[in-house]
């Protein structure tokens, strides 16, 4: 059985991971769009 604190930590970590993944994907798309225009090529 997880203690309540551990459950809250797990929830926080999951939210953090989702947020970071979303930001990472947005950045990746942003750079890919820029790359198509030849700025980073």
PDB file of N, CA and C in Angstrom:
ATOM      1  N   UNK A   1       0.851  -1.200   0.000  1.00  0.00           N
ATOM      2  CA  UNK A   1       0.000   0.000   0.000  1.00  0.00           C
ATOM      3  C   UNK A   1       0.889   1.253   0.000  1.00  0.00           C
ATOM      4  N   UNK A   2       0.604   2.178  -0.872  1.00  0.00           N
ATOM      5  CA  UNK A   2       1.340   3.443  -0.873  1.00  0.00           C
ATOM      6  C   UNK A   2       0.776   4.359   0.203  1.00  0.00           C
ATOM      7  N   UNK A   3       1.668   5.079   0.856  1.00  0.00           N
ATOM      8  CA  UNK A   3       1.185   6.091   1.795  1.00  0.00           C
ATOM      9  C   UNK A   3       0.610   7.255   1.000  1.00  0.00           C
ATOM     10  N   UNK A   4      -0.132   8.111   1.680  1.00  0.00           N
ATOM     11  CA  UNK A   4      -0.764   9.239   0.986  1.00  0.00           C
ATOM     12  C   UNK A   4       0.293  10.161   0.395  1.00  0.00           C
ATOM     13  N   UNK A   5       1.388  10.368   1.114  1.00  0.00           N
ATOM     14  CA  UNK A   5       2.447  11.258   0.617  1.00  0.00           C
ATOM     15  C   UNK A   5       3.038  10.687  -0.669  1.00  0.00           C
ATOM     16  N   UNK A   6       3.281   9.379  -0.698  1.00  0.00           N
ATOM     17  CA  UNK A   6       3.837   8.760  -1.905  1.00  0.00           C
ATOM     18  C   UNK A   6       2.877   8.892  -3.080  1.00  0.00           C
ATOM     19  N   UNK A   7       1.587   8.729  -2.817  1.00  0.00           N
ATOM     20  CA  UNK A   7       0.598   8.882  -3.889  1.00  0.00           C
ATOM     21  C   UNK A   7       0.626  10.298  -4.443  1.00  0.00           C
ATOM     22  N   UNK A   8       0.697  11.283  -3.550  1.00  0.00           N
ATOM     23  CA  UNK A   8       0.730  12.675  -3.997  1.00  0.00           C
ATOM     24  C   UNK A   8       1.998  12.952  -4.788  1.00  0.00           C
ATOM     25  N   UNK A   9       3.121  12.370  -4.342  1.00  0.00           N
ATOM     26  CA  UNK A   9       4.376  12.541  -5.073  1.00  0.00           C
ATOM     27  C   UNK A   9       4.263  11.938  -6.467  1.00  0.00           C
ATOM     28  N   UNK A  10       3.693  10.741  -6.553  1.00  0.00           N
ATOM     29  CA  UNK A  10       3.547  10.088  -7.858  1.00  0.00           C
ATOM     30  C   UNK A  10       2.676  10.914  -8.789  1.00  0.00           C
ATOM     31  N   UNK A  11       1.594  11.470  -8.260  1.00  0.00           N
ATOM     32  CA  UNK A  11       0.701  12.297  -9.067  1.00  0.00           C
ATOM     33  C   UNK A  11       1.443  13.534  -9.554  1.00  0.00           C
ATOM     34  N   UNK A  12       2.195  14.162  -8.648  1.00  0.00           N
ATOM     35  CA  UNK A  12       2.961  15.360  -9.007  1.00  0.00           C
ATOM     36  C   UNK A  12       3.973  15.037 -10.100  1.00  0.00           C
ATOM     37  N   UNK A  13       4.673  13.907  -9.949  1.00  0.00           N
ATOM     38  CA  UNK A  13       5.680  13.519 -10.945  1.00  0.00           C
ATOM     39  C   UNK A  13       5.021  13.258 -12.291  1.00  0.00           C
ATOM     40  N   UNK A  14       3.855  12.594 -12.274  1.00  0.00           N
ATOM     41  CA  UNK A  14       3.161  12.316 -13.536  1.00  0.00           C
ATOM     42  C   UNK A  14       2.746  13.607 -14.238  1.00  0.00           C
ATOM     43  N   UNK A  15       2.227  14.566 -13.464  1.00  0.00           N
ATOM     44  CA  UNK A  15       1.832  15.856 -14.048  1.00  0.00           C
ATOM     45  C   UNK A  15       3.063  16.560 -14.607  1.00  0.00           C
ATOM     46  N   UNK A  16       4.163  16.519 -13.856  1.00  0.00           N
ATOM     47  CA  UNK A  16       5.409  17.155 -14.288  1.00  0.00           C
ATOM     48  C   UNK A  16       5.889  16.536 -15.595  1.00  0.00           C
ATOM     49  N   UNK A  17       5.879  15.215 -15.671  1.00  0.00           N
ATOM     50  CA  UNK A  17       6.340  14.524 -16.877  1.00  0.00           C
ATOM     51  C   UNK A  17       5.461  14.893 -18.070  1.00  0.00           C
ATOM     52  N   UNK A  18       4.143  14.911 -17.865  1.00  0.00           N
ATOM     53  CA  UNK A  18       3.233  15.280 -18.959  1.00  0.00           C
ATOM     54  C   UNK A  18       3.508  16.698 -19.440  1.00  0.00           C
ATOM     55  N   UNK A  19       3.720  17.606 -18.489  1.00  0.00           N
ATOM     56  CA  UNK A  19       3.963  19.008 -18.841  1.00  0.00           C
ATOM     57  C   UNK A  19       5.259  19.146 -19.617  1.00  0.00           C
ATOM     58  N   UNK A  20       6.315  18.495 -19.126  1.00  0.00           N
ATOM     59  CA  UNK A  20       7.614  18.567 -19.799  1.00  0.00           C
ATOM     60  C   UNK A  20       7.516  17.960 -21.191  1.00  0.00           C
ATOM     61  N   UNK A  21       6.825  16.831 -21.313  1.00  0.00           N
ATOM     62  CA  UNK A  21       6.684  16.182 -22.615  1.00  0.00           C
ATOM     63  C   UNK A  21       5.934  17.086 -23.584  1.00  0.00           C
ATOM     64  N   UNK A  22       4.898  17.763 -23.091  1.00  0.00           N
ATOM     65  CA  UNK A  22       4.124  18.658 -23.954  1.00  0.00           C
ATOM     66  C   UNK A  22       4.986  19.828 -24.414  1.00  0.00           C
ATOM     67  N   UNK A  23       5.746  20.421 -23.491  1.00  0.00           N
ATOM     68  CA  UNK A  23       6.632  21.535 -23.848  1.00  0.00           C
ATOM     69  C   UNK A  23       7.685  21.067 -24.845  1.00  0.00           C
ATOM     70  N   UNK A  24       8.249  19.866 -24.606  1.00  0.00           N
ATOM     71  CA  UNK A  24       9.284  19.337 -25.499  1.00  0.00           C
ATOM     72  C   UNK A  24       8.720  19.145 -26.903  1.00  0.00           C
ATOM     73  N   UNK A  25       7.523  18.585 -26.993  1.00  0.00           N
ATOM     74  CA  UNK A  25       6.909  18.372 -28.308  1.00  0.00           C
ATOM     75  C   UNK A  25       6.624  19.693 -29.003  1.00  0.00           C
ATOM     76  N   UNK A  26       6.155  20.690 -28.258  1.00  0.00           N
ATOM     77  CA  UNK A  26       5.891  22.002 -28.845  1.00  0.00           C
ATOM     78  C   UNK A  26       7.180  22.609 -29.380  1.00  0.00           C
ATOM     79  N   UNK A  27       8.258  22.521 -28.599  1.00  0.00           N
ATOM     80  CA  UNK A  27       9.549  23.058 -29.037  1.00  0.00           C
ATOM     81  C   UNK A  27      10.029  22.340 -30.287  1.00  0.00           C
ATOM     82  N   UNK A  28       9.883  21.010 -30.303  1.00  0.00           N
ATOM     83  CA  UNK A  28      10.339  20.220 -31.440  1.00  0.00           C
ATOM     84  C   UNK A  28       9.591  20.652 -32.700  1.00  0.00           C
ATOM     85  N   UNK A  29       8.272  20.802 -32.583  1.00  0.00           N
ATOM     86  CA  UNK A  29       7.472  21.240 -33.730  1.00  0.00           C
ATOM     87  C   UNK A  29       7.880  22.634 -34.162  1.00  0.00           C
ATOM     88  N   UNK A  30       8.136  23.512 -33.208  1.00  0.00           N
ATOM     89  CA  UNK A  30       8.551  24.885 -33.506  1.00  0.00           C
ATOM     90  C   UNK A  30       9.845  24.874 -34.307  1.00  0.00           C
ATOM     91  N   UNK A  31      10.820  24.089 -33.839  1.00  0.00           N
ATOM     92  CA  UNK A  31      12.107  24.051 -34.542  1.00  0.00           C
ATOM     93  C   UNK A  31      11.980  23.378 -35.901  1.00  0.00           C
ATOM     94  N   UNK A  32      11.121  22.370 -36.005  1.00  0.00           N
ATOM     95  CA  UNK A  32      10.943  21.699 -37.294  1.00  0.00           C
ATOM     96  C   UNK A  32      10.312  22.653 -38.302  1.00  0.00           C
ATOM     97  N   UNK A  33       9.352  23.459 -37.849  1.00  0.00           N
ATOM     98  CA  UNK A  33       8.737  24.445 -38.750  1.00  0.00           C
ATOM     99  C   UNK A  33       9.774  25.452 -39.208  1.00  0.00           C
ATOM    100  N   UNK A  34      10.612  25.913 -38.276  1.00  0.00           N
ATOM    101  CA  UNK A  34      11.657  26.875 -38.629  1.00  0.00           C
ATOM    102  C   UNK A  34      12.644  26.234 -39.611  1.00  0.00           C
ATOM    103  N   UNK A  35      12.948  24.957 -39.384  1.00  0.00           N
ATOM    104  CA  UNK A  35      13.930  24.258 -40.216  1.00  0.00           C
ATOM    105  C   UNK A  35      13.438  24.159 -41.653  1.00  0.00           C
ATOM    106  N   UNK A  36      12.124  23.996 -41.833  1.00  0.00           N
ATOM    107  CA  UNK A  36      11.578  23.928 -43.192  1.00  0.00           C
ATOM    108  C   UNK A  36      11.841  25.228 -43.937  1.00  0.00           C
ATOM    109  N   UNK A  37      11.898  26.333 -43.209  1.00  0.00           N
ATOM    110  CA  UNK A  37      12.160  27.626 -43.841  1.00  0.00           C
ATOM    111  C   UNK A  37      13.658  27.855 -44.039  1.00  0.00           C
ATOM    112  N   UNK A  38      14.467  26.916 -43.546  1.00  0.00           N
ATOM    113  CA  UNK A  38      15.899  26.971 -43.827  1.00  0.00           C
ATOM    114  C   UNK A  38      16.715  27.751 -42.821  1.00  0.00           C
ATOM    115  N   UNK A  39      16.119  28.145 -41.690  1.00  0.00           N
ATOM    116  CA  UNK A  39      16.867  28.945 -40.720  1.00  0.00           C
ATOM    117  C   UNK A  39      17.906  28.084 -40.006  1.00  0.00           C
ATOM    118  N   UNK A  40      17.524  26.845 -39.668  1.00  0.00           N
ATOM    119  CA  UNK A  40      18.445  25.985 -38.928  1.00  0.00           C
ATOM    120  C   UNK A  40      19.129  24.958 -39.823  1.00  0.00           C
ATOM    121  N   UNK A  41      18.948  25.042 -41.150  1.00  0.00           N
ATOM    122  CA  UNK A  41      19.557  24.009 -41.984  1.00  0.00           C
ATOM    123  C   UNK A  41      20.993  24.338 -42.318  1.00  0.00           C
TER     124      UNK A  41
END
